[in-house]
Protein backbone atom coordinates (compact mmCIF):
# COMPACT_ATOMS: atom_id res chain seq x y z
CA MET A 1 -5.60 -12.14 -10.12
CA ILE A 2 -5.71 -9.09 -7.83
CA LEU A 3 -2.42 -7.43 -6.88
CA ILE A 4 -2.05 -5.40 -3.68
CA ILE A 5 1.09 -3.26 -3.60
CA ALA A 6 2.05 -2.17 -0.08
CA PRO A 7 4.97 0.10 0.82
CA HIS A 8 5.37 -1.62 4.21
CA PRO A 9 3.85 -4.59 6.04
CA ASP A 10 0.52 -3.33 7.50
CA ASP A 11 -0.39 -0.81 4.76
CA ASP A 12 -2.19 -3.59 2.90
CA ILE A 13 -4.42 -4.34 5.89
CA ILE A 14 -5.23 -0.69 6.62
CA CYS A 15 -6.46 0.21 3.13
CA CYS A 16 -7.20 -3.07 1.36
CA GLY A 17 -8.05 -5.59 4.09
CA GLY A 18 -11.64 -5.81 2.89
CA ILE A 19 -10.55 -6.48 -0.69
CA ILE A 20 -8.10 -9.12 0.51
CA SER A 21 -10.57 -11.00 2.71
CA ARG A 22 -13.26 -11.02 0.01
CA ASN A 23 -10.87 -12.36 -2.64
CA ALA A 24 -8.34 -14.26 -0.53
CA TYR A 25 -7.85 -17.11 -3.02
CA ASN A 26 -7.24 -14.70 -5.88
CA VAL A 27 -4.95 -12.12 -4.27
CA LYS A 28 -1.23 -11.54 -4.40
CA VAL A 29 0.40 -9.06 -1.99
CA ILE A 30 3.74 -7.39 -2.67
CA TYR A 31 5.65 -5.52 0.04
CA ILE A 32 8.07 -3.05 -1.51
CA THR A 33 10.21 -2.30 1.56
CA ASP A 34 11.36 -4.41 4.49
CA GLY A 35 9.88 -2.10 7.15
CA SER A 36 13.22 -2.13 8.98
CA LYS A 37 12.83 1.47 10.18
CA GLY A 38 9.22 1.13 11.32
CA SER A 39 9.66 2.17 14.92
CA PRO A 40 9.97 5.48 16.77
CA ARG A 41 12.74 3.79 18.76
CA HIS A 42 15.71 4.06 16.43
CA GLU A 43 17.65 1.46 18.37
CA GLU A 44 15.11 -1.12 17.11
CA TRP A 45 15.82 -0.40 13.44
CA GLY A 46 17.42 -3.15 11.40
CA LYS A 47 17.22 -6.77 10.32
CA GLU A 48 15.46 -8.09 13.42
CA LEU A 49 12.61 -5.61 13.03
CA ALA A 50 12.36 -6.47 9.32
CA LEU A 51 12.09 -10.19 10.14
CA ARG A 52 9.52 -9.50 12.84
CA ARG A 53 7.40 -7.48 10.43
CA MET A 54 7.62 -10.26 7.87
CA ARG A 55 6.23 -12.74 10.40
CA GLU A 56 3.49 -10.28 11.35
CA ALA A 57 2.54 -9.86 7.69
CA TYR A 58 2.20 -13.62 7.15
CA ASN A 59 0.01 -13.95 10.25
CA ALA A 60 -2.18 -10.95 9.36
CA LEU A 61 -2.78 -12.18 5.81
CA SER A 62 -3.49 -15.69 7.06
CA LYS A 63 -6.17 -14.16 9.28
CA LEU A 64 -7.72 -12.63 6.14
CA GLY A 65 -7.63 -15.95 4.33
CA ILE A 66 -4.39 -16.01 2.32
CA LYS A 67 -2.86 -19.41 3.08
CA ASN A 68 -0.55 -19.75 0.07
CA LYS A 69 2.73 -18.03 0.96
CA ASP A 70 3.68 -17.98 -2.72
CA ASN A 71 1.13 -15.17 -3.04
CA ILE A 72 2.99 -13.05 -0.48
CA ILE A 73 6.11 -11.40 -1.90
CA PHE A 74 8.73 -9.36 -0.06
CA LEU A 75 10.94 -7.35 -2.41
CA GLY A 76 13.24 -6.47 0.50
CA ASN A 77 14.12 -2.88 -0.40
CA GLU A 78 15.39 -0.87 2.55
CA ASP A 79 12.72 1.08 4.38
CA GLY A 80 12.89 4.74 3.32
CA SER A 81 14.91 4.01 0.17
CA VAL A 82 12.17 3.99 -2.47
CA SER A 83 12.91 7.34 -4.13
CA ARG A 84 16.60 6.61 -4.65
CA ASN A 85 15.82 3.11 -5.94
CA PHE A 86 13.13 4.26 -8.37
CA ASN A 87 14.43 2.40 -11.44
CA LYS A 88 15.31 -0.76 -9.52
CA ILE A 89 11.83 -1.02 -8.01
CA ARG A 90 10.15 -0.18 -11.31
CA ASN A 91 12.03 -3.08 -12.93
CA GLN A 92 11.06 -5.39 -10.06
CA LEU A 93 7.40 -4.52 -10.53
CA LEU A 94 7.59 -4.72 -14.30
CA ASN A 95 8.97 -8.26 -14.11
CA LEU A 96 6.27 -9.33 -11.67
CA LEU A 97 3.47 -7.77 -13.70
CA GLN A 98 4.66 -9.33 -16.93
CA GLU A 99 4.77 -12.78 -15.33
CA SER A 100 1.33 -12.60 -13.72
CA ARG A 101 -2.26 -12.51 -14.96
CA ILE A 102 -3.10 -9.34 -13.05
CA THR A 103 -6.51 -7.79 -13.68
CA GLU A 104 -6.67 -5.35 -10.73
CA ILE A 105 -3.91 -3.40 -8.97
CA TYR A 106 -4.26 -1.59 -5.63
CA PHE A 107 -1.41 0.78 -4.81
CA PRO A 108 -0.62 3.96 -2.84
CA SER A 109 -1.42 7.30 -4.42
CA PRO A 110 1.42 9.60 -5.48
CA PHE A 111 -0.03 12.40 -3.33
CA ASP A 112 0.25 10.45 -0.07
CA ILE A 113 2.57 12.52 2.13
CA HIS A 114 4.66 9.54 3.25
CA PRO A 115 7.70 9.65 0.92
CA ASP A 116 7.79 5.87 0.36
CA HIS A 117 4.06 5.78 -0.43
CA SER A 118 4.26 8.74 -2.79
CA ALA A 119 7.29 7.37 -4.63
CA ILE A 120 5.68 3.94 -5.04
CA GLY A 121 2.56 5.55 -6.49
CA LYS A 122 4.72 7.28 -9.10
CA ILE A 123 6.67 4.09 -9.79
CA VAL A 124 3.49 2.06 -10.37
CA LEU A 125 2.06 4.65 -12.76
CA SER A 126 5.38 4.76 -14.62
CA THR A 127 5.50 0.96 -14.81
CA ILE A 128 1.96 0.70 -16.15
CA LYS A 129 2.80 3.13 -18.96
CA GLU A 130 5.24 0.51 -20.23
CA MET A 131 2.44 -2.06 -20.38
CA SER A 132 0.01 -0.25 -22.65
CA GLU A 133 -1.16 -3.53 -24.19
CA ARG A 134 -2.52 -4.81 -20.86
CA ARG A 135 -6.08 -4.16 -19.69
CA MET A 136 -6.36 -3.63 -15.95
CA SER A 137 -8.36 -1.84 -13.29
CA LEU A 138 -6.30 0.51 -11.13
CA TYR A 139 -7.19 1.51 -7.56
CA MET A 140 -5.16 4.09 -5.62
CA TYR A 141 -5.40 4.39 -1.84
CA THR A 142 -4.19 7.12 0.51
CA ILE A 143 -3.29 6.77 4.18
CA HIS A 144 -1.36 9.96 4.97
CA ARG A 145 -2.87 13.20 3.64
CA HIS A 146 -1.62 16.77 3.46
CA SER A 147 -3.50 19.51 5.24
CA ILE A 148 -3.85 22.84 3.46
CA VAL A 149 -3.03 24.50 6.78
CA ASP A 150 0.42 22.89 6.86
CA VAL A 151 2.11 26.21 6.09
CA ARG A 152 5.51 24.92 7.24
CA ASN A 153 5.76 22.95 4.03
CA LEU A 154 3.46 24.93 1.74
CA PRO A 155 5.26 24.34 -1.61
CA THR A 156 5.11 20.56 -1.11
CA VAL A 157 1.48 20.78 -0.02
CA LEU A 158 0.53 22.78 -3.10
CA ARG A 159 2.33 20.37 -5.45
CA SER A 160 0.55 17.47 -3.78
CA LEU A 161 -2.84 19.14 -4.03
CA PHE A 162 -2.24 20.00 -7.70
CA LEU A 163 -1.39 16.37 -8.43
CA GLN A 164 -4.47 15.23 -6.53
CA LEU A 165 -6.66 17.63 -8.52
CA LYS A 166 -5.19 16.34 -11.78
CA ILE A 167 -6.00 12.76 -10.77
CA MET A 168 -9.49 13.71 -9.60
CA LEU A 169 -10.27 15.00 -13.09
CA ASN A 170 -9.26 11.73 -14.75
CA TRP A 171 -10.08 9.09 -12.15
CA LYS A 172 -13.32 8.10 -10.46
CA TYR A 173 -13.56 8.09 -6.65
CA VAL A 174 -15.16 4.89 -5.39
CA CYS A 175 -15.91 3.44 -1.96
CA LEU A 176 -16.29 -0.33 -1.66
CA LYS A 177 -18.09 -2.05 1.19
CA VAL A 178 -16.06 -4.11 3.67
CA ASP A 179 -17.92 -7.31 4.55
CA ASN A 180 -16.31 -7.77 7.97
CA PRO A 181 -14.58 -4.66 9.38
CA ARG A 182 -13.84 -6.46 12.66
CA LEU A 183 -11.79 -9.02 10.76
CA LYS A 184 -9.61 -6.21 9.39
CA VAL A 185 -9.05 -4.86 12.89
CA GLU A 186 -8.12 -8.32 14.15
CA ALA A 187 -5.70 -8.78 11.25
CA LEU A 188 -4.05 -5.44 11.95
CA GLU A 189 -3.51 -6.46 15.57
CA PHE A 190 -1.03 -9.08 14.35
CA HIS A 191 1.24 -6.15 13.45
CA GLU A 192 2.21 -5.76 17.09
CA SER A 193 5.40 -3.86 16.27
CA GLN A 194 3.26 -1.12 14.71
CA VAL A 195 -0.10 -0.86 16.45
CA TRP A 196 1.30 0.27 19.79
CA TYR A 197 2.30 3.64 18.33
CA MET A 198 -0.14 3.84 15.41
CA SER A 199 -2.24 7.01 15.26
CA LYS A 200 -5.90 7.00 16.20
CA LYS A 201 -6.74 8.24 12.70
CA VAL A 202 -5.11 5.23 11.03
CA LYS A 203 -6.81 2.80 13.40
CA GLU A 204 -10.16 4.45 12.64
CA LEU A 205 -9.44 4.18 8.91
CA THR A 206 -8.84 0.45 9.32
CA ALA A 207 -12.10 -0.06 11.22
CA LYS A 208 -14.37 1.61 8.65
CA ASP A 209 -16.95 -0.54 6.86
CA TYR A 210 -15.80 0.77 3.48
CA GLU A 211 -12.54 1.32 1.61
CA CYS A 212 -12.13 4.24 -0.79
CA PHE A 213 -9.96 4.51 -3.87
CA TYR A 214 -9.32 6.56 -6.97
CA PHE A 215 -10.28 4.18 -9.76
CA LYS A 216 -9.43 4.00 -13.44
CA ARG A 217 -9.73 1.24 -16.04
CA ILE A 218 -7.01 1.04 -18.67
């Protein structure tokens, strides 16, 4: 079984849509947060947006071939709350991993600049340390990257780059072919609450005919 860990509904499509569509009958997707703050219009934040994003996620994954809703899990943590719920989320993931026959995990890298993504990357790595007896293949993806010219937040940038360098020395960088990039784009379009303000860079990332990860087998 392949496990895709997504901070919010739509992250799975952007970075792992090709993996999902190729292995649709052997994939489980876990959304860590409810996406309830996923709008630049703060008045839209809340339960209704979370429910809308849940519906969008079901439709997008159905487009990629996942028909069994039991393989789509919403943990329901509040959007933006990952860091302060570190232990709670780690326990949630630990329980899920212990119950499942997971052989591959795809998750956000700890040097992604989005705080939820970064925190989830650290949580996953911490969780896996507690499962030393398991043999799995790990794949880390990155959506939001630091720029070395971001001098306004230089200490954070340098810490992120140091962490990335450390991972680069111990992990292999791999790019996997996407069989049908157009299908990924069509799946992402189901996330209507997000695509209207999504950056051009993220849309271009989704449309690529390959998906890249830091890879390590444990």
